Amino acid sequence: MKMHSKHLVIFAKAPRLGRVKSRLAHEIGSIAAWQFYRSCLNTMVQNLTPTKRHPLTWNAWLALAPDGEALPGEIFTGSPPAIPVLDQGNGDLGHRMGRVFQNMPPGPVVIIGTDIPTITPSHITKAFKALDDRDSVLGPAQDGGYWLIGLKRSPRSQMNAAHHIFKNVRWSSEHALEGTQTNLQQLGLKSTMLERLEDVDDKASYDRWKSFTDARSGAAISR
């Protein structure tokens, strides 16, 4: 498989029943929430991992938590793509993402989560394109967080500043994006924003996503 200088890292939890999407599970049930998460992870890995039949301009990596978990093969429909699996390591989300930014091979790095099932290769292409003339890129989410963060990591000093980008950020709050933007500005890193997308974290957002998916499926069948 061809290796590229750009790196996409998908941050995910091992899709185990009762250990994912706890807030959503409270409203729609543990099994439905687990099935949703497993489906999203499957789709994301399949769509965003380069293959001979699906060429993309980046390397894809899966950063999995907890450390040492094997990715269950049963989440994949068809043959699973060959995606390297990394441990996220210890600490809060900021520590874990900072560690990835510091330790990945040379080249721009983009990190995404698995809470937004509508992420497409086009979104990732736009993120890497933005890093051509910006130090960082962010994909804002409706809830005040973000679904993507990328660093150019050039000059090399950006890699050493990675942990400072997430200093004192209030994770799982409406202030996560704002706090990260403030840190980027204080570090003198020029940033740009992608389009705003919606996390699927509760029943209302789940219902909107399901309506959108059903409508798109219906349109495809009618063609």
Protein backbone atom coordinates (compact mmCIF):
# COMPACT_ATOMS: atom_id res chain seq x y z
CA MET A 1 0.00 0.00 0.00
CA LYS A 2 1.32 3.44 -0.90
CA MET A 3 2.45 5.54 2.04
CA HIS A 4 1.68 9.25 2.14
CA SER A 5 3.03 12.15 4.17
CA LYS A 6 -0.40 13.08 5.55
CA HIS A 7 -1.90 11.22 8.49
CA LEU A 8 -5.56 10.84 9.49
CA VAL A 9 -6.06 9.48 13.01
CA ILE A 10 -9.52 8.20 14.01
CA PHE A 11 -10.02 8.36 17.79
CA ALA A 12 -12.42 5.64 18.94
CA LYS A 13 -13.48 3.46 21.82
CA ALA A 14 -13.56 -0.29 21.34
CA PRO A 15 -17.22 -0.92 20.39
CA ARG A 16 -18.23 -2.99 23.41
CA LEU A 17 -21.82 -3.19 24.59
CA GLY A 18 -22.41 -0.94 27.59
CA ARG A 19 -19.12 0.96 27.15
CA VAL A 20 -19.95 3.37 24.33
CA LYS A 21 -22.42 6.25 23.83
CA SER A 22 -23.61 6.20 27.45
CA ARG A 23 -25.63 9.42 27.16
CA LEU A 24 -27.40 8.19 24.03
CA ALA A 25 -27.89 4.75 25.61
CA HIS A 26 -29.76 6.36 28.49
CA GLU A 27 -32.40 7.58 26.00
CA ILE A 28 -32.58 4.89 23.30
CA GLY A 29 -31.23 1.82 25.14
CA SER A 30 -27.78 0.25 25.40
CA ILE A 31 -28.20 -2.14 22.46
CA ALA A 32 -29.44 0.52 20.04
CA ALA A 33 -26.66 2.91 21.08
CA TRP A 34 -24.05 0.17 20.71
CA GLN A 35 -25.37 -0.78 17.26
CA PHE A 36 -25.27 2.86 16.20
CA TYR A 37 -21.68 3.32 17.39
CA ARG A 38 -20.51 0.08 15.83
CA SER A 39 -22.13 1.03 12.51
CA CYS A 40 -20.58 4.51 12.59
CA LEU A 41 -17.12 3.15 13.31
CA ASN A 42 -17.44 0.57 10.55
CA THR A 43 -18.56 3.17 8.01
CA MET A 44 -15.90 5.65 9.02
CA VAL A 45 -13.02 3.18 8.82
CA GLN A 46 -14.26 1.77 5.52
CA ASN A 47 -14.78 5.20 3.94
CA LEU A 48 -11.63 6.92 5.18
CA THR A 49 -8.99 4.18 4.88
CA PRO A 50 -7.08 4.13 1.56
CA THR A 51 -7.26 0.90 -0.42
CA LYS A 52 -6.39 -0.07 -3.99
CA ARG A 53 -10.05 0.27 -4.92
CA HIS A 54 -10.53 3.38 -2.80
CA PRO A 55 -7.38 5.53 -3.24
CA LEU A 56 -6.98 8.48 -0.88
CA THR A 57 -4.10 10.91 -0.32
CA TRP A 58 -3.42 10.14 3.34
CA ASN A 59 -2.53 7.31 5.69
CA ALA A 60 -5.30 6.25 8.08
CA TRP A 61 -4.66 5.18 11.68
CA LEU A 62 -7.06 4.05 14.40
CA ALA A 63 -6.29 5.24 17.94
CA LEU A 64 -8.26 2.90 20.16
CA ALA A 65 -9.18 3.02 23.85
CA PRO A 66 -8.71 1.36 26.21
CA ASP A 67 -5.11 0.43 25.43
CA GLY A 68 -4.49 -3.11 24.26
CA GLU A 69 -8.00 -3.65 22.89
CA ALA A 70 -8.29 -5.62 19.68
CA LEU A 71 -10.75 -4.18 17.21
CA PRO A 72 -13.62 -6.69 16.84
CA GLY A 73 -13.66 -8.00 13.28
CA GLU A 74 -17.42 -8.44 13.41
CA ILE A 75 -18.02 -4.68 13.15
CA PHE A 76 -16.97 -4.73 9.52
CA THR A 77 -19.20 -5.54 6.59
CA GLY A 78 -17.04 -7.37 4.10
CA SER A 79 -13.27 -7.51 4.43
CA PRO A 80 -11.88 -5.02 6.97
CA PRO A 81 -9.35 -2.54 5.55
CA ALA A 82 -5.76 -2.76 6.73
CA ILE A 83 -5.63 0.08 9.24
CA PRO A 84 -2.89 0.26 11.89
CA VAL A 85 -4.23 0.36 15.46
CA LEU A 86 -2.58 2.63 18.05
CA ASP A 87 -3.05 2.87 21.81
CA GLN A 88 -4.36 6.26 22.95
CA GLY A 89 -2.44 6.08 26.22
CA ASN A 90 -3.28 7.63 29.57
CA GLY A 91 -4.70 11.01 30.49
CA ASP A 92 -7.64 13.12 29.40
CA LEU A 93 -8.55 13.67 25.76
CA GLY A 94 -6.13 16.57 25.43
CA HIS A 95 -3.18 14.55 26.73
CA ARG A 96 -4.02 11.68 24.40
CA MET A 97 -4.39 13.87 21.31
CA GLY A 98 -1.26 15.83 22.18
CA ARG A 99 0.69 12.60 22.41
CA VAL A 100 -0.50 11.57 18.93
CA PHE A 101 0.47 14.92 17.45
CA GLN A 102 3.94 14.57 18.94
CA ASN A 103 4.57 10.92 18.05
CA MET A 104 3.16 10.45 14.54
CA PRO A 105 5.54 10.16 11.56
CA PRO A 106 6.49 13.44 9.80
CA GLY A 107 3.74 15.31 7.99
CA PRO A 108 0.43 17.03 8.76
CA VAL A 109 -1.87 15.18 11.18
CA VAL A 110 -5.67 15.40 11.35
CA ILE A 111 -7.59 13.82 14.25
CA ILE A 112 -11.31 13.05 14.14
CA GLY A 113 -13.74 11.45 16.56
CA THR A 114 -16.47 8.90 15.88
CA ASP A 115 -19.52 10.83 17.12
CA ILE A 116 -20.38 12.33 13.73
CA PRO A 117 -21.42 9.74 11.14
CA THR A 118 -21.64 12.28 8.30
CA ILE A 119 -17.86 12.82 7.97
CA THR A 120 -16.79 12.08 4.39
CA PRO A 121 -13.46 11.91 2.52
CA SER A 122 -14.29 15.37 1.18
CA HIS A 123 -14.17 16.80 4.72
CA ILE A 124 -10.73 15.27 5.30
CA THR A 125 -9.45 16.54 1.94
CA LYS A 126 -10.58 20.06 2.88
CA ALA A 127 -8.84 19.79 6.26
CA PHE A 128 -5.50 18.83 4.75
CA LYS A 129 -5.91 21.50 2.06
CA ALA A 130 -6.45 24.11 4.78
CA LEU A 131 -3.11 23.12 6.32
CA ASP A 132 -1.31 24.18 3.14
CA ASP A 133 -1.32 27.78 4.39
CA ARG A 134 -2.50 27.51 8.01
CA ASP A 135 -0.89 26.02 11.11
CA SER A 136 -4.09 24.39 12.34
CA VAL A 137 -7.64 23.54 11.32
CA LEU A 138 -10.78 22.91 13.38
CA GLY A 139 -14.14 21.37 12.55
CA PRO A 140 -16.70 22.89 14.94
CA ALA A 141 -19.60 20.86 16.31
CA GLN A 142 -23.07 22.12 17.17
CA ASP A 143 -22.56 21.50 20.89
CA GLY A 144 -19.54 23.78 21.29
CA GLY A 145 -16.94 21.07 20.83
CA TYR A 146 -15.25 20.00 17.63
CA TRP A 147 -15.25 16.96 15.39
CA LEU A 148 -11.81 17.55 13.84
CA ILE A 149 -8.51 19.14 14.72
CA GLY A 150 -5.44 19.19 12.52
CA LEU A 151 -1.89 20.49 12.82
CA LYS A 152 0.58 21.23 10.06
CA ARG A 153 3.40 20.28 12.48
CA SER A 154 5.86 22.43 10.57
CA PRO A 155 8.13 23.90 11.77
CA ARG A 156 8.92 21.08 14.18
CA SER A 157 8.30 23.37 17.17
CA GLN A 158 4.56 22.85 16.59
CA MET A 159 4.98 19.23 17.62
CA ASN A 160 6.54 20.28 20.92
CA ALA A 161 3.66 22.73 21.52
CA ALA A 162 1.00 20.06 20.95
CA HIS A 163 0.13 19.50 24.62
CA HIS A 164 -0.19 23.28 25.24
CA ILE A 165 -2.96 23.44 22.63
CA PHE A 166 -5.22 21.52 25.01
CA LYS A 167 -4.17 23.12 28.31
CA ASN A 168 -7.17 23.78 30.62
CA VAL A 169 -9.70 22.89 27.90
CA ARG A 170 -13.03 21.90 29.44
CA TRP A 171 -13.83 18.67 27.63
CA SER A 172 -17.42 17.50 27.14
CA SER A 173 -18.64 21.07 27.49
CA GLU A 174 -19.78 23.90 25.25
CA HIS A 175 -16.43 25.60 25.94
CA ALA A 176 -14.11 22.99 24.36
CA LEU A 177 -13.78 24.72 20.99
CA GLU A 178 -13.41 28.17 22.51
CA GLY A 179 -10.70 27.00 24.90
CA THR A 180 -8.73 25.31 22.14
CA GLN A 181 -8.99 28.38 19.89
CA THR A 182 -7.69 30.58 22.70
CA ASN A 183 -4.68 28.32 23.20
CA LEU A 184 -3.92 28.29 19.48
CA GLN A 185 -4.01 32.09 19.39
CA GLN A 186 -1.75 32.40 22.43
CA LEU A 187 0.74 30.04 20.78
CA GLY A 188 0.70 32.17 17.63
CA LEU A 189 -0.70 29.37 15.46
CA LYS A 190 -2.84 30.52 12.55
CA SER A 191 -6.08 28.56 12.34
CA THR A 192 -9.04 28.11 10.03
CA MET A 193 -12.47 26.55 10.45
CA LEU A 194 -14.36 23.94 8.47
CA GLU A 195 -18.14 23.59 8.35
CA ARG A 196 -20.15 22.98 11.50
CA LEU A 197 -21.46 19.43 11.97
CA GLU A 198 -23.68 17.81 14.60
CA ASP A 199 -22.61 15.19 17.14
CA VAL A 200 -25.07 12.35 17.66
CA ASP A 201 -25.11 12.26 21.45
CA ASP A 202 -28.79 12.27 22.39
CA LYS A 203 -32.14 11.05 21.08
CA ALA A 204 -32.95 14.32 19.30
CA SER A 205 -29.74 14.29 17.27
CA TYR A 206 -30.07 10.54 16.73
CA ASP A 207 -33.59 11.01 15.31
CA ARG A 208 -32.37 13.79 12.99
CA TRP A 209 -29.53 11.59 11.77
CA LYS A 210 -31.88 8.63 11.24
CA SER A 211 -34.37 10.76 9.28
CA PHE A 212 -31.54 12.04 7.07
CA THR A 213 -30.19 8.52 6.51
CA ASP A 214 -33.63 7.08 5.74
CA ALA A 215 -34.38 9.90 3.28
CA ARG A 216 -31.05 9.41 1.51
CA SER A 217 -31.61 5.64 1.30
CA GLY A 218 -35.08 6.19 -0.10
CA ALA A 219 -33.75 8.59 -2.73
CA ALA A 220 -31.10 6.06 -3.78
CA ILE A 221 -33.69 3.30 -4.15
CA SER A 222 -35.98 5.48 -6.27
CA ARG A 223 -33.26 6.30 -8.78
